[in-house]
N, C-alpha and C. Protein backbone atom coordinates (compact mmCIF):
# COMPACT_ATOMS: atom_id res chain seq x y z
N MET A 1 0.85 -1.17 0.00
CA MET A 1 0.00 0.00 0.00
C MET A 1 0.90 1.24 0.00
N SER A 2 0.59 2.19 -0.85
CA SER A 2 1.40 3.40 -0.94
C SER A 2 1.12 4.30 0.27
N LYS A 3 2.07 5.19 0.52
CA LYS A 3 1.93 6.12 1.64
C LYS A 3 0.71 7.03 1.44
N THR A 4 0.46 7.42 0.20
CA THR A 4 -0.68 8.29 -0.09
C THR A 4 -2.00 7.60 0.23
N ILE A 5 -2.15 6.34 -0.19
CA ILE A 5 -3.38 5.60 0.08
C ILE A 5 -3.54 5.37 1.58
N PHE A 6 -2.44 5.05 2.27
CA PHE A 6 -2.49 4.86 3.71
C PHE A 6 -2.96 6.14 4.40
N ASN A 7 -2.39 7.29 4.02
CA ASN A 7 -2.79 8.56 4.60
C ASN A 7 -4.26 8.87 4.33
N PHE A 8 -4.73 8.54 3.13
CA PHE A 8 -6.14 8.76 2.80
C PHE A 8 -7.04 7.98 3.74
N TRP A 9 -6.74 6.68 3.93
CA TRP A 9 -7.59 5.86 4.80
C TRP A 9 -7.46 6.25 6.27
N LEU A 10 -6.26 6.66 6.67
CA LEU A 10 -6.08 7.13 8.05
C LEU A 10 -6.89 8.41 8.29
N ASP A 11 -6.84 9.33 7.34
CA ASP A 11 -7.63 10.56 7.48
C ASP A 11 -9.13 10.26 7.47
N THR A 12 -9.54 9.32 6.66
CA THR A 12 -10.95 8.92 6.62
C THR A 12 -11.36 8.33 7.96
N LEU A 13 -10.52 7.47 8.52
CA LEU A 13 -10.79 6.88 9.83
C LEU A 13 -10.86 7.96 10.90
N LEU A 14 -9.95 8.93 10.86
CA LEU A 14 -9.98 10.01 11.84
C LEU A 14 -11.27 10.82 11.74
N MET A 15 -11.74 11.05 10.53
CA MET A 15 -12.99 11.78 10.36
C MET A 15 -14.16 10.98 10.94
N VAL A 16 -14.21 9.68 10.67
CA VAL A 16 -15.29 8.83 11.18
C VAL A 16 -15.24 8.80 12.71
N LEU A 17 -14.05 8.65 13.28
CA LEU A 17 -13.92 8.64 14.74
C LEU A 17 -14.35 9.97 15.35
N PHE A 18 -14.00 11.08 14.70
CA PHE A 18 -14.43 12.38 15.21
C PHE A 18 -15.95 12.50 15.18
N LEU A 19 -16.57 12.06 14.09
CA LEU A 19 -18.03 12.12 14.01
C LEU A 19 -18.69 11.24 15.06
N CYS A 20 -18.12 10.05 15.30
CA CYS A 20 -18.64 9.16 16.34
C CYS A 20 -18.49 9.80 17.72
N LEU A 21 -17.35 10.42 17.97
CA LEU A 21 -17.13 11.09 19.25
C LEU A 21 -18.12 12.24 19.43
N ALA A 22 -18.35 13.00 18.37
CA ALA A 22 -19.32 14.10 18.44
C ALA A 22 -20.72 13.57 18.73
N ALA A 23 -21.11 12.48 18.08
CA ALA A 23 -22.45 11.92 18.29
C ALA A 23 -22.62 11.38 19.71
N VAL A 24 -21.65 10.63 20.19
CA VAL A 24 -21.74 10.06 21.54
C VAL A 24 -21.69 11.17 22.58
N SER A 25 -20.87 12.19 22.35
CA SER A 25 -20.81 13.32 23.29
C SER A 25 -22.15 14.04 23.33
N ALA A 26 -22.78 14.22 22.18
CA ALA A 26 -24.09 14.87 22.16
C ALA A 26 -25.13 14.02 22.89
N ILE A 27 -25.04 12.70 22.74
CA ILE A 27 -25.97 11.81 23.44
C ILE A 27 -25.80 11.94 24.95
N THR A 28 -24.55 11.89 25.42
CA THR A 28 -24.34 11.97 26.87
C THR A 28 -24.66 13.35 27.42
N GLN A 29 -24.51 14.38 26.60
CA GLN A 29 -24.74 15.74 27.06
C GLN A 29 -26.20 16.16 26.98
N PHE A 30 -26.88 15.77 25.90
CA PHE A 30 -28.21 16.32 25.64
C PHE A 30 -29.35 15.31 25.71
N VAL A 31 -29.08 14.02 25.52
CA VAL A 31 -30.17 13.03 25.52
C VAL A 31 -30.42 12.50 26.93
N PHE A 32 -29.36 12.12 27.63
CA PHE A 32 -29.52 11.63 29.00
C PHE A 32 -29.80 12.80 29.95
N PRO A 33 -30.49 12.51 31.04
CA PRO A 33 -30.64 13.55 32.07
C PRO A 33 -29.28 13.83 32.71
N PRO A 34 -29.18 14.84 33.55
CA PRO A 34 -27.90 15.10 34.22
C PRO A 34 -27.38 13.83 34.91
N PRO A 35 -26.07 13.67 34.99
CA PRO A 35 -25.50 12.42 35.52
C PRO A 35 -26.04 12.01 36.89
N ALA A 36 -26.33 12.97 37.74
CA ALA A 36 -26.85 12.62 39.08
C ALA A 36 -28.23 11.97 38.99
N ASN A 37 -28.96 12.23 37.91
CA ASN A 37 -30.31 11.68 37.75
C ASN A 37 -30.37 10.57 36.70
N ALA A 38 -29.25 10.18 36.12
CA ALA A 38 -29.25 9.24 34.99
C ALA A 38 -29.27 7.78 35.42
N ASN A 39 -29.25 7.51 36.71
CA ASN A 39 -29.24 6.13 37.17
C ASN A 39 -30.51 5.40 36.72
N GLY A 40 -30.32 4.30 36.01
CA GLY A 40 -31.43 3.49 35.55
C GLY A 40 -31.90 3.82 34.15
N TRP A 41 -31.51 4.94 33.59
CA TRP A 41 -31.90 5.31 32.23
C TRP A 41 -31.08 4.48 31.24
N LEU A 42 -31.75 4.00 30.18
CA LEU A 42 -31.10 3.19 29.15
C LEU A 42 -31.35 3.78 27.77
N LEU A 43 -30.35 3.70 26.91
CA LEU A 43 -30.51 4.05 25.50
C LEU A 43 -29.92 2.90 24.71
N TRP A 44 -30.76 2.20 23.96
CA TRP A 44 -30.36 1.05 23.15
C TRP A 44 -29.65 0.00 24.01
N GLY A 45 -30.13 -0.18 25.22
CA GLY A 45 -29.61 -1.20 26.13
C GLY A 45 -28.38 -0.80 26.92
N ALA A 46 -27.92 0.43 26.75
CA ALA A 46 -26.71 0.88 27.43
C ALA A 46 -27.05 2.00 28.42
N THR A 47 -26.43 1.92 29.60
CA THR A 47 -26.62 2.94 30.62
C THR A 47 -25.76 4.16 30.32
N TYR A 48 -25.95 5.19 31.10
CA TYR A 48 -25.14 6.40 30.97
C TYR A 48 -23.65 6.06 31.15
N GLY A 49 -23.35 5.22 32.12
CA GLY A 49 -21.96 4.81 32.34
C GLY A 49 -21.36 4.08 31.14
N HIS A 50 -22.19 3.23 30.50
CA HIS A 50 -21.71 2.55 29.30
C HIS A 50 -21.41 3.55 28.19
N TRP A 51 -22.28 4.55 28.04
CA TRP A 51 -22.06 5.57 27.00
C TRP A 51 -20.80 6.37 27.28
N LEU A 52 -20.51 6.63 28.55
CA LEU A 52 -19.26 7.32 28.88
C LEU A 52 -18.05 6.45 28.55
N SER A 53 -18.18 5.14 28.77
CA SER A 53 -17.08 4.23 28.42
C SER A 53 -16.89 4.18 26.91
N ILE A 54 -17.98 4.17 26.16
CA ILE A 54 -17.89 4.20 24.70
C ILE A 54 -17.21 5.50 24.26
N GLN A 55 -17.61 6.60 24.87
CA GLN A 55 -17.02 7.90 24.53
C GLN A 55 -15.51 7.89 24.79
N PHE A 56 -15.10 7.34 25.93
CA PHE A 56 -13.67 7.29 26.25
C PHE A 56 -12.92 6.38 25.28
N GLY A 57 -13.52 5.25 24.91
CA GLY A 57 -12.88 4.36 23.94
C GLY A 57 -12.69 5.02 22.59
N ILE A 58 -13.70 5.74 22.14
CA ILE A 58 -13.58 6.46 20.87
C ILE A 58 -12.51 7.54 20.98
N LEU A 59 -12.48 8.24 22.10
CA LEU A 59 -11.47 9.27 22.31
C LEU A 59 -10.06 8.69 22.27
N CYS A 60 -9.86 7.53 22.89
CA CYS A 60 -8.55 6.87 22.86
C CYS A 60 -8.17 6.46 21.44
N ALA A 61 -9.12 5.90 20.69
CA ALA A 61 -8.86 5.51 19.30
C ALA A 61 -8.52 6.74 18.46
N LEU A 62 -9.25 7.83 18.67
CA LEU A 62 -8.98 9.07 17.94
C LEU A 62 -7.59 9.59 18.29
N GLY A 63 -7.23 9.56 19.56
CA GLY A 63 -5.90 9.99 19.98
C GLY A 63 -4.80 9.17 19.35
N LEU A 64 -4.97 7.85 19.31
CA LEU A 64 -3.96 6.99 18.67
C LEU A 64 -3.88 7.27 17.17
N GLY A 65 -5.03 7.51 16.54
CA GLY A 65 -5.03 7.83 15.12
C GLY A 65 -4.32 9.14 14.83
N ILE A 66 -4.55 10.14 15.68
CA ILE A 66 -3.86 11.43 15.51
C ILE A 66 -2.36 11.26 15.73
N LEU A 67 -1.99 10.46 16.71
CA LEU A 67 -0.57 10.19 16.95
C LEU A 67 0.06 9.54 15.72
N LEU A 68 -0.61 8.55 15.15
CA LEU A 68 -0.11 7.90 13.94
C LEU A 68 -0.02 8.89 12.78
N HIS A 69 -1.02 9.76 12.66
CA HIS A 69 -1.03 10.77 11.60
C HIS A 69 0.17 11.72 11.73
N VAL A 70 0.42 12.19 12.97
CA VAL A 70 1.56 13.08 13.19
C VAL A 70 2.87 12.33 12.92
N MET A 71 2.95 11.07 13.31
CA MET A 71 4.16 10.29 13.04
C MET A 71 4.41 10.16 11.54
N MET A 72 3.35 9.98 10.79
CA MET A 72 3.49 9.84 9.33
C MET A 72 4.00 11.15 8.70
N HIS A 73 3.70 12.28 9.32
CA HIS A 73 4.10 13.57 8.77
C HIS A 73 5.19 14.25 9.59
N TRP A 74 5.86 13.50 10.47
CA TRP A 74 6.82 14.09 11.38
C TRP A 74 8.00 14.74 10.65
N GLY A 75 8.45 14.13 9.58
CA GLY A 75 9.54 14.71 8.79
C GLY A 75 9.14 16.07 8.25
N TRP A 76 7.93 16.19 7.78
CA TRP A 76 7.45 17.47 7.26
C TRP A 76 7.34 18.50 8.38
N VAL A 77 6.82 18.09 9.56
CA VAL A 77 6.69 19.00 10.70
C VAL A 77 8.07 19.52 11.10
N CYS A 78 9.04 18.63 11.23
CA CYS A 78 10.40 19.05 11.60
C CYS A 78 11.01 19.94 10.53
N GLY A 79 10.75 19.62 9.26
CA GLY A 79 11.27 20.44 8.17
C GLY A 79 10.72 21.85 8.21
N VAL A 80 9.43 21.99 8.44
CA VAL A 80 8.82 23.32 8.52
C VAL A 80 9.37 24.09 9.71
N ILE A 81 9.49 23.43 10.86
CA ILE A 81 10.00 24.11 12.05
C ILE A 81 11.45 24.55 11.84
N SER A 82 12.27 23.66 11.28
CA SER A 82 13.69 24.00 11.14
C SER A 82 13.93 25.03 10.05
N THR A 83 13.14 25.06 8.99
CA THR A 83 13.38 26.02 7.91
C THR A 83 12.62 27.33 8.09
N LYS A 84 11.48 27.31 8.74
CA LYS A 84 10.67 28.53 8.88
C LYS A 84 10.84 29.23 10.22
N PHE A 85 11.11 28.47 11.28
CA PHE A 85 11.14 29.06 12.62
C PHE A 85 12.51 29.01 13.28
N SER A 86 13.47 28.36 12.67
CA SER A 86 14.79 28.22 13.26
C SER A 86 15.75 29.23 12.64
N ARG A 87 16.75 29.62 13.41
CA ARG A 87 17.74 30.57 12.90
C ARG A 87 18.72 29.91 11.95
N SER A 88 19.01 28.63 12.18
CA SER A 88 20.06 27.97 11.38
C SER A 88 19.60 27.61 9.98
N LYS A 89 18.31 27.42 9.78
CA LYS A 89 17.72 27.03 8.49
C LYS A 89 18.26 25.69 7.99
N LYS A 90 18.93 24.95 8.87
CA LYS A 90 19.47 23.64 8.51
C LYS A 90 18.48 22.57 8.94
N ARG A 91 18.19 21.64 8.06
CA ARG A 91 17.22 20.59 8.34
C ARG A 91 17.84 19.54 9.26
N MET A 92 17.04 19.08 10.25
CA MET A 92 17.52 18.03 11.17
C MET A 92 17.60 16.70 10.44
N ASP A 93 18.56 15.88 10.84
CA ASP A 93 18.60 14.54 10.23
C ASP A 93 17.54 13.65 10.88
N ASP A 94 17.29 12.47 10.30
CA ASP A 94 16.19 11.61 10.75
C ASP A 94 16.35 11.14 12.19
N GLY A 95 17.58 10.88 12.62
CA GLY A 95 17.81 10.43 14.00
C GLY A 95 17.42 11.49 15.01
N ILE A 96 17.82 12.72 14.75
CA ILE A 96 17.48 13.83 15.64
C ILE A 96 15.97 14.05 15.63
N GLN A 97 15.34 13.96 14.47
CA GLN A 97 13.89 14.12 14.38
C GLN A 97 13.17 13.09 15.24
N THR A 98 13.66 11.85 15.21
CA THR A 98 13.05 10.79 16.00
C THR A 98 13.21 11.07 17.49
N ILE A 99 14.41 11.50 17.90
CA ILE A 99 14.65 11.80 19.31
C ILE A 99 13.76 12.95 19.77
N VAL A 100 13.66 13.99 18.96
CA VAL A 100 12.80 15.12 19.30
C VAL A 100 11.35 14.68 19.41
N GLY A 101 10.90 13.85 18.47
CA GLY A 101 9.52 13.37 18.49
C GLY A 101 9.21 12.54 19.72
N VAL A 102 10.11 11.61 20.06
CA VAL A 102 9.90 10.77 21.25
C VAL A 102 9.95 11.63 22.51
N GLY A 103 10.88 12.57 22.55
CA GLY A 103 10.97 13.47 23.71
C GLY A 103 9.71 14.30 23.87
N LEU A 104 9.20 14.83 22.77
CA LEU A 104 7.96 15.61 22.82
C LEU A 104 6.79 14.75 23.30
N LEU A 105 6.70 13.53 22.81
CA LEU A 105 5.64 12.62 23.24
C LEU A 105 5.74 12.34 24.73
N ILE A 106 6.94 12.11 25.23
CA ILE A 106 7.15 11.86 26.66
C ILE A 106 6.72 13.08 27.48
N VAL A 107 7.10 14.27 27.04
CA VAL A 107 6.72 15.49 27.77
C VAL A 107 5.20 15.64 27.79
N LEU A 108 4.55 15.46 26.65
CA LEU A 108 3.09 15.61 26.58
C LEU A 108 2.38 14.58 27.45
N LEU A 109 2.86 13.33 27.44
CA LEU A 109 2.25 12.30 28.28
C LEU A 109 2.44 12.61 29.77
N HIS A 110 3.59 13.17 30.13
CA HIS A 110 3.81 13.56 31.52
C HIS A 110 2.89 14.72 31.93
N ILE A 111 2.64 15.64 31.03
CA ILE A 111 1.72 16.74 31.34
C ILE A 111 0.32 16.19 31.59
N VAL A 112 -0.14 15.32 30.71
CA VAL A 112 -1.47 14.72 30.88
C VAL A 112 -1.51 13.88 32.16
N GLY A 113 -0.48 13.06 32.37
CA GLY A 113 -0.42 12.24 33.57
C GLY A 113 -0.38 13.09 34.84
N GLY A 114 0.35 14.20 34.81
CA GLY A 114 0.39 15.10 35.96
C GLY A 114 -0.96 15.72 36.24
N PHE A 115 -1.67 16.07 35.17
CA PHE A 115 -3.00 16.64 35.33
C PHE A 115 -3.96 15.62 35.95
N VAL A 116 -3.91 14.38 35.47
CA VAL A 116 -4.78 13.33 36.02
C VAL A 116 -4.39 13.03 37.47
N PHE A 117 -3.09 12.99 37.76
CA PHE A 117 -2.63 12.75 39.12
C PHE A 117 -3.10 13.86 40.06
N ALA A 118 -2.97 15.12 39.60
CA ALA A 118 -3.42 16.25 40.42
C ALA A 118 -4.92 16.15 40.70
N ALA A 119 -5.69 15.76 39.69
CA ALA A 119 -7.14 15.60 39.89
C ALA A 119 -7.42 14.47 40.88
N TRP A 120 -6.66 13.38 40.78
CA TRP A 120 -6.84 12.23 41.67
C TRP A 120 -6.54 12.61 43.12
N VAL A 121 -5.50 13.42 43.30
CA VAL A 121 -5.11 13.82 44.65
C VAL A 121 -6.07 14.86 45.22
N MET A 122 -6.59 15.74 44.38
CA MET A 122 -7.37 16.88 44.87
C MET A 122 -8.89 16.66 44.86
N ILE A 123 -9.36 15.51 44.42
CA ILE A 123 -10.81 15.30 44.36
C ILE A 123 -11.39 15.32 45.77
N GLN A 124 -12.57 15.86 45.90
CA GLN A 124 -13.21 15.99 47.20
C GLN A 124 -14.52 15.22 47.21
N LYS A 125 -14.75 14.54 48.32
CA LYS A 125 -16.02 13.86 48.50
C LYS A 125 -17.09 14.90 48.78
N PRO A 126 -18.33 14.61 48.40
CA PRO A 126 -19.40 15.57 48.73
C PRO A 126 -19.62 15.63 50.23
N GLU A 127 -20.02 16.79 50.69
CA GLU A 127 -20.23 17.01 52.13
C GLU A 127 -21.33 16.12 52.68
N PHE A 128 -22.42 15.95 51.94
CA PHE A 128 -23.54 15.17 52.45
C PHE A 128 -23.15 13.72 52.65
N GLU A 129 -22.23 13.20 51.82
CA GLU A 129 -21.81 11.81 51.98
C GLU A 129 -21.01 11.67 53.27
N SER A 130 -20.13 12.61 53.55
CA SER A 130 -19.37 12.56 54.78
C SER A 130 -20.28 12.67 55.99
N ALA A 131 -21.27 13.55 55.90
CA ALA A 131 -22.22 13.70 57.01
C ALA A 131 -23.04 12.43 57.20
N GLN A 132 -23.45 11.80 56.10
CA GLN A 132 -24.20 10.55 56.19
C GLN A 132 -23.35 9.47 56.85
N LEU A 133 -22.07 9.39 56.45
CA LEU A 133 -21.20 8.38 57.04
C LEU A 133 -20.99 8.64 58.52
N GLN A 134 -20.82 9.91 58.91
CA GLN A 134 -20.64 10.24 60.31
C GLN A 134 -21.88 9.90 61.13
N SER A 135 -23.06 10.23 60.59
CA SER A 135 -24.28 9.93 61.34
C SER A 135 -24.50 8.43 61.42
N ARG A 136 -24.17 7.71 60.34
CA ARG A 136 -24.31 6.25 60.38
C ARG A 136 -23.36 5.64 61.40
N ASN A 137 -22.12 6.14 61.44
CA ASN A 137 -21.16 5.63 62.42
C ASN A 137 -21.60 5.97 63.83
N ALA A 138 -22.16 7.16 64.01
CA ALA A 138 -22.66 7.53 65.35
C ALA A 138 -23.80 6.61 65.76
N CYS A 139 -24.69 6.27 64.83
CA CYS A 139 -25.81 5.35 65.12
C CYS A 139 -25.27 3.97 65.48
N LEU A 140 -24.24 3.53 64.77
CA LEU A 140 -23.64 2.23 65.08
C LEU A 140 -23.03 2.22 66.46
N GLU A 141 -22.36 3.32 66.83
CA GLU A 141 -21.76 3.42 68.16
C GLU A 141 -22.84 3.38 69.24
N ILE A 142 -23.92 4.11 69.02
CA ILE A 142 -25.03 4.11 69.99
C ILE A 142 -25.62 2.72 70.11
N THR A 143 -25.78 2.03 68.97
CA THR A 143 -26.34 0.68 68.97
C THR A 143 -25.41 -0.27 69.72
N ARG A 144 -24.09 -0.15 69.51
CA ARG A 144 -23.13 -1.01 70.21
C ARG A 144 -23.18 -0.77 71.71
N GLU A 145 -23.23 0.53 72.09
CA GLU A 145 -23.26 0.85 73.51
C GLU A 145 -24.53 0.30 74.16
N GLN A 146 -25.66 0.37 73.45
CA GLN A 146 -26.91 -0.13 74.01
C GLN A 146 -26.88 -1.65 74.09
N SER A 147 -26.22 -2.28 73.11
CA SER A 147 -26.16 -3.75 73.10
C SER A 147 -25.27 -4.28 74.21
N TYR A 148 -24.14 -3.62 74.45
CA TYR A 148 -23.18 -4.11 75.43
C TYR A 148 -23.32 -3.47 76.79
N GLY A 149 -24.02 -2.38 76.90
CA GLY A 149 -24.05 -1.65 78.16
C GLY A 149 -25.36 -1.63 78.75
């Protein structure tokens, strides 16, 4: 398969994935009730949680497709950067381009991972849940004291 035909089919796949992501996002945003009220609602046999999983799967596939697309055009990207935005106007060789590409991917993945880690560390439980747990624990303590005392 020629590079041109491969790029055509990759771009077609990216377009289809984007349209699927747009459709599923619209379904989760506008068709289902707000997430707090969506428990028990079904669309074509799938719950709100299933639709969110489908949305995430499509997003991951789209991300991998975009990554592959950028990899296919990485030489062109590096050429444009080195000739249009660099002072030296000298084109990088393929080895340096690969190192720069892998380094950039590592940096971007660390940024995303740091963002997810920060969200994981900083997430807060709702106040009413904590109050419910405290009152339930207090009731259990009272019940234990009455049972043993």
